[in-house]
Amino acid sequence: MAVPLPLQPYLALGDSYTIGEAVEEAGRWPVQLARALREEGATLAWPRIIATTGWTTDELSSALDAAEPLGRWELVSLLIGVNNQYRARSVANYAGEYRDLLQRAIRYAGDRPQRVLAMSIPDWGVTAFGRNDARGTATIGAEIDAFNDAARALCERQGVAWVDITPVSRELGAQAAMLAEDGLHPSAAMYTQWTQLALPVARRLLSNGAR
């Protein structure tokens, strides 16, 4: 009888978008991603998620301090920053804290940037909740673009894969089916859109680099 291969551990770091505020556990995008990869034959474990609704970059960092030692992971994802933007923190502050989180993610992946997947911040300004925000959709969108530009540049510098989910969040994010009941957070259907974008990247990362 063949001995089953050990499962490859997956660590998902973030905020409400990673923990899947207002959706069932099966609808969270890291869980959907793991399921899709497992259906293709990958020996990926279900994700350990370290994320809480409302977290900013410094709050995620503090949570990681409390959770360590976290050991080594075969895949690490990072999606963080929307609450920095929502709380009107500066791009420069975000970039500094995001850089530190990115370096931690690389360390958790065994110092292999080729096993880290970073996701862009979706545009909440197009949602039912966002359209009522005094800042307006154009300002919110421009601020999110600035945050994403900073994060993407850091990922490129570190050799970390970048998955841009912002366009699909803008294209579909106003649709009721793509929103949870709160009118702000994504539904499982929107998370499926993100999973479809992340899947080919994660597939490549898992085949990349020594274990």
C-alpha atoms as a PDB file:
ATOM      1  CA  MET A   1       0.000   0.000   0.000  1.00  0.00           C
ATOM      2  CA  ALA A   2       1.338   3.419  -0.973  1.00  0.00           C
ATOM      3  CA  VAL A   3       2.191   5.740   1.863  1.00  0.00           C
ATOM      4  CA  PRO A   4       0.214   8.992   1.524  1.00  0.00           C
ATOM      5  CA  LEU A   5       2.293  12.081   0.939  1.00  0.00           C
ATOM      6  CA  PRO A   6       2.425  14.556   3.834  1.00  0.00           C
ATOM      7  CA  LEU A   7       0.172  17.552   3.425  1.00  0.00           C
ATOM      8  CA  GLN A   8       1.836  20.842   2.582  1.00  0.00           C
ATOM      9  CA  PRO A   9       0.889  23.473   5.180  1.00  0.00           C
ATOM     10  CA  TYR A  10      -0.713  26.730   4.023  1.00  0.00           C
ATOM     11  CA  LEU A  11      -0.750  29.937   6.077  1.00  0.00           C
ATOM     12  CA  ALA A  12      -3.199  32.719   5.118  1.00  0.00           C
ATOM     13  CA  LEU A  13      -2.619  36.164   6.635  1.00  0.00           C
ATOM     14  CA  GLY A  14      -4.914  39.169   6.456  1.00  0.00           C
ATOM     15  CA  ASP A  15      -8.088  40.856   7.641  1.00  0.00           C
ATOM     16  CA  SER A  16     -11.834  40.513   6.931  1.00  0.00           C
ATOM     17  CA  TYR A  17     -11.177  39.561   3.320  1.00  0.00           C
ATOM     18  CA  THR A  18      -9.118  36.551   4.410  1.00  0.00           C
ATOM     19  CA  ILE A  19     -11.261  35.399   7.330  1.00  0.00           C
ATOM     20  CA  GLY A  20     -14.347  35.844   5.140  1.00  0.00           C
ATOM     21  CA  GLU A  21     -16.517  38.166   7.203  1.00  0.00           C
ATOM     22  CA  ALA A  22     -20.206  37.261   6.812  1.00  0.00           C
ATOM     23  CA  VAL A  23     -19.632  34.078   4.762  1.00  0.00           C
ATOM     24  CA  GLU A  24     -19.459  30.413   5.742  1.00  0.00           C
ATOM     25  CA  GLU A  25     -16.013  28.919   6.272  1.00  0.00           C
ATOM     26  CA  ALA A  26     -16.237  26.978   3.003  1.00  0.00           C
ATOM     27  CA  GLY A  27     -16.767  30.255   1.117  1.00  0.00           C
ATOM     28  CA  ARG A  28     -13.570  31.960   2.271  1.00  0.00           C
ATOM     29  CA  TRP A  29     -11.183  32.420  -0.611  1.00  0.00           C
ATOM     30  CA  PRO A  30      -8.191  30.673   1.068  1.00  0.00           C
ATOM     31  CA  VAL A  31     -10.414  27.644   1.699  1.00  0.00           C
ATOM     32  CA  GLN A  32     -11.744  27.774  -1.870  1.00  0.00           C
ATOM     33  CA  LEU A  33      -8.169  28.000  -3.133  1.00  0.00           C
ATOM     34  CA  ALA A  34      -7.016  25.016  -1.085  1.00  0.00           C
ATOM     35  CA  ARG A  35     -10.025  23.009  -2.267  1.00  0.00           C
ATOM     36  CA  ALA A  36      -9.334  23.817  -5.931  1.00  0.00           C
ATOM     37  CA  LEU A  37      -5.679  22.843  -5.602  1.00  0.00           C
ATOM     38  CA  ARG A  38      -6.558  19.617  -3.785  1.00  0.00           C
ATOM     39  CA  GLU A  39      -9.046  18.737  -6.542  1.00  0.00           C
ATOM     40  CA  GLU A  40      -6.144  19.050  -8.983  1.00  0.00           C
ATOM     41  CA  GLY A  41      -4.110  16.618  -6.909  1.00  0.00           C
ATOM     42  CA  ALA A  42      -2.047  18.966  -4.760  1.00  0.00           C
ATOM     43  CA  THR A  43      -1.250  17.696  -1.271  1.00  0.00           C
ATOM     44  CA  LEU A  44      -2.152  21.023   0.316  1.00  0.00           C
ATOM     45  CA  ALA A  45      -3.535  21.197   3.826  1.00  0.00           C
ATOM     46  CA  TRP A  46      -6.541  23.317   4.689  1.00  0.00           C
ATOM     47  CA  PRO A  47      -5.272  26.800   5.518  1.00  0.00           C
ATOM     48  CA  ARG A  48      -4.418  28.075   8.926  1.00  0.00           C
ATOM     49  CA  ILE A  49      -5.912  31.558   8.838  1.00  0.00           C
ATOM     50  CA  ILE A  50      -4.553  34.377  10.974  1.00  0.00           C
ATOM     51  CA  ALA A  51      -6.912  37.224  10.186  1.00  0.00           C
ATOM     52  CA  THR A  52      -9.592  39.294  11.891  1.00  0.00           C
ATOM     53  CA  THR A  53     -12.097  41.795  10.562  1.00  0.00           C
ATOM     54  CA  GLY A  54     -10.807  45.339  11.005  1.00  0.00           C
ATOM     55  CA  TRP A  55      -7.112  44.524  11.304  1.00  0.00           C
ATOM     56  CA  THR A  56      -4.539  46.964   9.998  1.00  0.00           C
ATOM     57  CA  THR A  57      -0.957  46.027   9.150  1.00  0.00           C
ATOM     58  CA  ASP A  58       0.333  46.752  12.655  1.00  0.00           C
ATOM     59  CA  GLU A  59      -2.498  44.750  14.239  1.00  0.00           C
ATOM     60  CA  LEU A  60      -1.728  41.754  12.054  1.00  0.00           C
ATOM     61  CA  SER A  61       1.931  42.088  13.011  1.00  0.00           C
ATOM     62  CA  SER A  62       1.037  42.097  16.713  1.00  0.00           C
ATOM     63  CA  ALA A  63      -1.112  38.993  16.221  1.00  0.00           C
ATOM     64  CA  LEU A  64       1.805  37.238  14.554  1.00  0.00           C
ATOM     65  CA  ASP A  65       4.041  38.176  17.481  1.00  0.00           C
ATOM     66  CA  ALA A  66       1.553  36.449  19.781  1.00  0.00           C
ATOM     67  CA  ALA A  67       1.215  33.401  17.512  1.00  0.00           C
ATOM     68  CA  GLU A  68       4.906  32.693  17.004  1.00  0.00           C
ATOM     69  CA  PRO A  69       6.710  30.365  16.647  1.00  0.00           C
ATOM     70  CA  LEU A  70       4.766  29.552  13.490  1.00  0.00           C
ATOM     71  CA  GLY A  71       7.310  27.268  11.847  1.00  0.00           C
ATOM     72  CA  ARG A  72       7.695  26.699   8.117  1.00  0.00           C
ATOM     73  CA  TRP A  73       4.905  26.707   5.539  1.00  0.00           C
ATOM     74  CA  GLU A  74       4.822  25.556   1.921  1.00  0.00           C
ATOM     75  CA  LEU A  75       2.473  28.366   0.855  1.00  0.00           C
ATOM     76  CA  VAL A  76       1.835  31.740   2.502  1.00  0.00           C
ATOM     77  CA  SER A  77      -0.713  34.306   1.322  1.00  0.00           C
ATOM     78  CA  LEU A  78      -0.958  37.941   2.387  1.00  0.00           C
ATOM     79  CA  LEU A  79      -3.872  40.339   1.865  1.00  0.00           C
ATOM     80  CA  ILE A  80      -3.843  43.365   4.169  1.00  0.00           C
ATOM     81  CA  GLY A  81      -4.256  47.122   4.008  1.00  0.00           C
ATOM     82  CA  VAL A  82      -7.879  48.064   3.443  1.00  0.00           C
ATOM     83  CA  ASN A  83      -8.284  49.155   7.053  1.00  0.00           C
ATOM     84  CA  ASN A  84      -5.151  51.291   6.836  1.00  0.00           C
ATOM     85  CA  GLN A  85      -6.789  53.093   3.933  1.00  0.00           C
ATOM     86  CA  TYR A  86     -10.191  53.246   5.652  1.00  0.00           C
ATOM     87  CA  ARG A  87      -8.630  54.817   8.748  1.00  0.00           C
ATOM     88  CA  ALA A  88      -6.874  57.423   6.574  1.00  0.00           C
ATOM     89  CA  ARG A  89      -3.362  56.276   7.379  1.00  0.00           C
ATOM     90  CA  SER A  90      -0.608  57.343   5.015  1.00  0.00           C
ATOM     91  CA  VAL A  91       0.735  55.287   2.134  1.00  0.00           C
ATOM     92  CA  ALA A  92       4.243  55.720   3.535  1.00  0.00           C
ATOM     93  CA  ASN A  93       3.188  54.233   6.884  1.00  0.00           C
ATOM     94  CA  TYR A  94       1.461  51.361   5.093  1.00  0.00           C
ATOM     95  CA  ALA A  95       4.469  50.654   2.897  1.00  0.00           C
ATOM     96  CA  GLY A  96       6.817  50.406   5.866  1.00  0.00           C
ATOM     97  CA  GLU A  97       4.553  48.044   7.794  1.00  0.00           C
ATOM     98  CA  TYR A  98       3.664  46.023   4.697  1.00  0.00           C
ATOM     99  CA  ARG A  99       7.357  45.546   3.928  1.00  0.00           C
ATOM    100  CA  ASP A 100       7.871  44.087   7.395  1.00  0.00           C
ATOM    101  CA  LEU A 101       4.894  41.735   6.971  1.00  0.00           C
ATOM    102  CA  LEU A 102       6.136  40.660   3.562  1.00  0.00           C
ATOM    103  CA  GLN A 103       9.518  39.812   5.027  1.00  0.00           C
ATOM    104  CA  ARG A 104       7.829  37.789   7.754  1.00  0.00           C
ATOM    105  CA  ALA A 105       5.736  35.950   5.173  1.00  0.00           C
ATOM    106  CA  ILE A 106       8.900  35.062   3.269  1.00  0.00           C
ATOM    107  CA  ARG A 107      10.490  33.808   6.475  1.00  0.00           C
ATOM    108  CA  TYR A 108       7.424  31.681   7.260  1.00  0.00           C
ATOM    109  CA  ALA A 109       7.812  30.188   3.774  1.00  0.00           C
ATOM    110  CA  GLY A 110      11.303  29.010   4.639  1.00  0.00           C
ATOM    111  CA  ASP A 111      12.996  32.101   3.181  1.00  0.00           C
ATOM    112  CA  ARG A 112      11.467  31.291  -0.205  1.00  0.00           C
ATOM    113  CA  PRO A 113       9.741  34.325  -1.735  1.00  0.00           C
ATOM    114  CA  GLN A 114       8.629  32.001  -4.537  1.00  0.00           C
ATOM    115  CA  ARG A 115       6.208  30.376  -2.069  1.00  0.00           C
ATOM    116  CA  VAL A 116       4.467  33.636  -1.082  1.00  0.00           C
ATOM    117  CA  LEU A 117       1.337  34.950  -2.796  1.00  0.00           C
ATOM    118  CA  ALA A 118       0.238  38.561  -2.220  1.00  0.00           C
ATOM    119  CA  MET A 119      -3.233  39.838  -3.124  1.00  0.00           C
ATOM    120  CA  SER A 120      -4.151  43.412  -3.944  1.00  0.00           C
ATOM    121  CA  ILE A 121      -6.669  45.379  -1.879  1.00  0.00           C
ATOM    122  CA  PRO A 122     -10.145  45.233  -3.450  1.00  0.00           C
ATOM    123  CA  ASP A 123     -12.070  48.458  -3.998  1.00  0.00           C
ATOM    124  CA  TRP A 124     -14.804  48.651  -1.365  1.00  0.00           C
ATOM    125  CA  GLY A 125     -15.857  52.072  -2.694  1.00  0.00           C
ATOM    126  CA  VAL A 126     -18.063  50.476  -5.361  1.00  0.00           C
ATOM    127  CA  THR A 127     -20.114  48.514  -2.810  1.00  0.00           C
ATOM    128  CA  ALA A 128     -23.485  49.556  -1.447  1.00  0.00           C
ATOM    129  CA  PHE A 129     -21.762  50.591   1.779  1.00  0.00           C
ATOM    130  CA  GLY A 130     -18.964  52.420  -0.019  1.00  0.00           C
ATOM    131  CA  ARG A 131     -21.278  54.471  -2.214  1.00  0.00           C
ATOM    132  CA  ASN A 132     -22.628  56.124   0.943  1.00  0.00           C
ATOM    133  CA  ASP A 133     -19.172  57.050   2.253  1.00  0.00           C
ATOM    134  CA  ALA A 134     -18.557  60.817   2.331  1.00  0.00           C
ATOM    135  CA  ARG A 135     -15.194  60.454   0.616  1.00  0.00           C
ATOM    136  CA  GLY A 136     -16.817  59.275  -2.602  1.00  0.00           C
ATOM    137  CA  THR A 137     -15.994  56.340  -4.844  1.00  0.00           C
ATOM    138  CA  ALA A 138     -13.388  58.214  -6.894  1.00  0.00           C
ATOM    139  CA  THR A 139     -11.334  59.230  -3.854  1.00  0.00           C
ATOM    140  CA  ILE A 140     -11.585  55.786  -2.274  1.00  0.00           C
ATOM    141  CA  GLY A 141     -10.506  54.167  -5.529  1.00  0.00           C
ATOM    142  CA  ALA A 142      -7.558  56.510  -5.972  1.00  0.00           C
ATOM    143  CA  GLU A 143      -6.377  55.876  -2.420  1.00  0.00           C
ATOM    144  CA  ILE A 144      -6.635  52.114  -2.859  1.00  0.00           C
ATOM    145  CA  ASP A 145      -4.655  52.367  -6.092  1.00  0.00           C
ATOM    146  CA  ALA A 146      -1.891  54.222  -4.237  1.00  0.00           C
ATOM    147  CA  PHE A 147      -1.783  51.573  -1.506  1.00  0.00           C
ATOM    148  CA  ASN A 148      -1.701  48.790  -4.088  1.00  0.00           C
ATOM    149  CA  ASP A 149       1.042  50.493  -6.085  1.00  0.00           C
ATOM    150  CA  ALA A 150       3.205  50.591  -2.960  1.00  0.00           C
ATOM    151  CA  ALA A 151       2.527  46.958  -2.081  1.00  0.00           C
ATOM    152  CA  ARG A 152       3.051  45.706  -5.624  1.00  0.00           C
ATOM    153  CA  ALA A 153       6.401  47.483  -5.872  1.00  0.00           C
ATOM    154  CA  LEU A 154       7.553  45.841  -2.644  1.00  0.00           C
ATOM    155  CA  CYS A 155       6.445  42.421  -3.911  1.00  0.00           C
ATOM    156  CA  GLU A 156       8.292  42.892  -7.172  1.00  0.00           C
ATOM    157  CA  ARG A 157      11.428  43.881  -5.276  1.00  0.00           C
ATOM    158  CA  GLN A 158      11.204  40.768  -3.092  1.00  0.00           C
ATOM    159  CA  GLY A 159      10.268  38.372  -5.892  1.00  0.00           C
ATOM    160  CA  VAL A 160       6.794  37.691  -4.462  1.00  0.00           C
ATOM    161  CA  ALA A 161       3.882  36.824  -6.755  1.00  0.00           C
ATOM    162  CA  TRP A 162       1.195  39.509  -7.001  1.00  0.00           C
ATOM    163  CA  VAL A 163      -2.460  38.693  -7.739  1.00  0.00           C
ATOM    164  CA  ASP A 164      -4.458  41.752  -8.780  1.00  0.00           C
ATOM    165  CA  ILE A 165      -8.054  41.275  -7.663  1.00  0.00           C
ATOM    166  CA  THR A 166      -8.875  44.996  -7.679  1.00  0.00           C
ATOM    167  CA  PRO A 167     -10.223  45.140 -11.269  1.00  0.00           C
ATOM    168  CA  VAL A 168     -12.730  42.336 -10.705  1.00  0.00           C
ATOM    169  CA  SER A 169     -13.778  43.923  -7.414  1.00  0.00           C
ATOM    170  CA  ARG A 170     -14.590  47.092  -9.349  1.00  0.00           C
ATOM    171  CA  GLU A 171     -16.266  45.324 -12.240  1.00  0.00           C
ATOM    172  CA  LEU A 172     -18.555  43.122 -10.148  1.00  0.00           C
ATOM    173  CA  GLY A 173     -18.475  44.586  -6.656  1.00  0.00           C
ATOM    174  CA  ALA A 174     -21.690  46.594  -6.957  1.00  0.00           C
ATOM    175  CA  GLN A 175     -23.743  43.508  -7.792  1.00  0.00           C
ATOM    176  CA  ALA A 176     -25.924  42.259  -4.953  1.00  0.00           C
ATOM    177  CA  ALA A 177     -24.866  38.654  -5.587  1.00  0.00           C
ATOM    178  CA  MET A 178     -21.242  39.597  -5.046  1.00  0.00           C
ATOM    179  CA  LEU A 179     -21.901  41.149  -1.632  1.00  0.00           C
ATOM    180  CA  ALA A 180     -22.626  39.722   1.789  1.00  0.00           C
ATOM    181  CA  GLU A 181     -25.750  40.846   3.583  1.00  0.00           C
ATOM    182  CA  ASP A 182     -23.921  43.828   5.114  1.00  0.00           C
ATOM    183  CA  GLY A 183     -23.505  45.402   1.673  1.00  0.00           C
ATOM    184  CA  LEU A 184     -19.762  45.794   2.204  1.00  0.00           C
ATOM    185  CA  HIS A 185     -17.935  42.496   2.468  1.00  0.00           C
ATOM    186  CA  PRO A 186     -17.683  40.084  -0.459  1.00  0.00           C
ATOM    187  CA  SER A 187     -19.959  37.105  -0.820  1.00  0.00           C
ATOM    188  CA  ALA A 188     -18.651  33.598  -1.470  1.00  0.00           C
ATOM    189  CA  ALA A 189     -19.368  34.247  -5.163  1.00  0.00           C
ATOM    190  CA  MET A 190     -16.925  37.167  -5.197  1.00  0.00           C
ATOM    191  CA  TYR A 191     -14.364  35.084  -3.346  1.00  0.00           C
ATOM    192  CA  THR A 192     -14.731  32.525  -6.134  1.00  0.00           C
ATOM    193  CA  GLN A 193     -13.712  35.227  -8.602  1.00  0.00           C
ATOM    194  CA  TRP A 194     -10.604  35.916  -6.533  1.00  0.00           C
ATOM    195  CA  THR A 195      -9.846  32.206  -6.265  1.00  0.00           C
ATOM    196  CA  GLN A 196      -9.945  31.849 -10.039  1.00  0.00           C
ATOM    197  CA  LEU A 197      -7.311  34.587 -10.332  1.00  0.00           C
ATOM    198  CA  ALA A 198      -5.137  33.153  -7.570  1.00  0.00           C
ATOM    199  CA  LEU A 199      -5.343  29.504  -8.639  1.00  0.00           C
ATOM    200  CA  PRO A 200      -2.871  29.482 -11.560  1.00  0.00           C
ATOM    201  CA  VAL A 201      -0.418  31.545  -9.518  1.00  0.00           C
ATOM    202  CA  ALA A 202      -0.652  29.258  -6.476  1.00  0.00           C
ATOM    203  CA  ARG A 203      -0.344  26.206  -8.727  1.00  0.00           C
ATOM    204  CA  ARG A 204       2.902  27.603 -10.135  1.00  0.00           C
ATOM    205  CA  LEU A 205       4.243  28.534  -6.714  1.00  0.00           C
ATOM    206  CA  LEU A 206       3.682  25.060  -5.301  1.00  0.00           C
ATOM    207  CA  SER A 207       5.689  23.573  -8.152  1.00  0.00           C
ATOM    208  CA  ASN A 208       8.432  26.159  -7.712  1.00  0.00           C
ATOM    209  CA  GLY A 209      11.445  25.714  -5.469  1.00  0.00           C
ATOM    210  CA  ALA A 210      12.729  23.019  -3.191  1.00  0.00           C
ATOM    211  CA  ARG A 211      10.573  21.740  -0.343  1.00  0.00           C
END
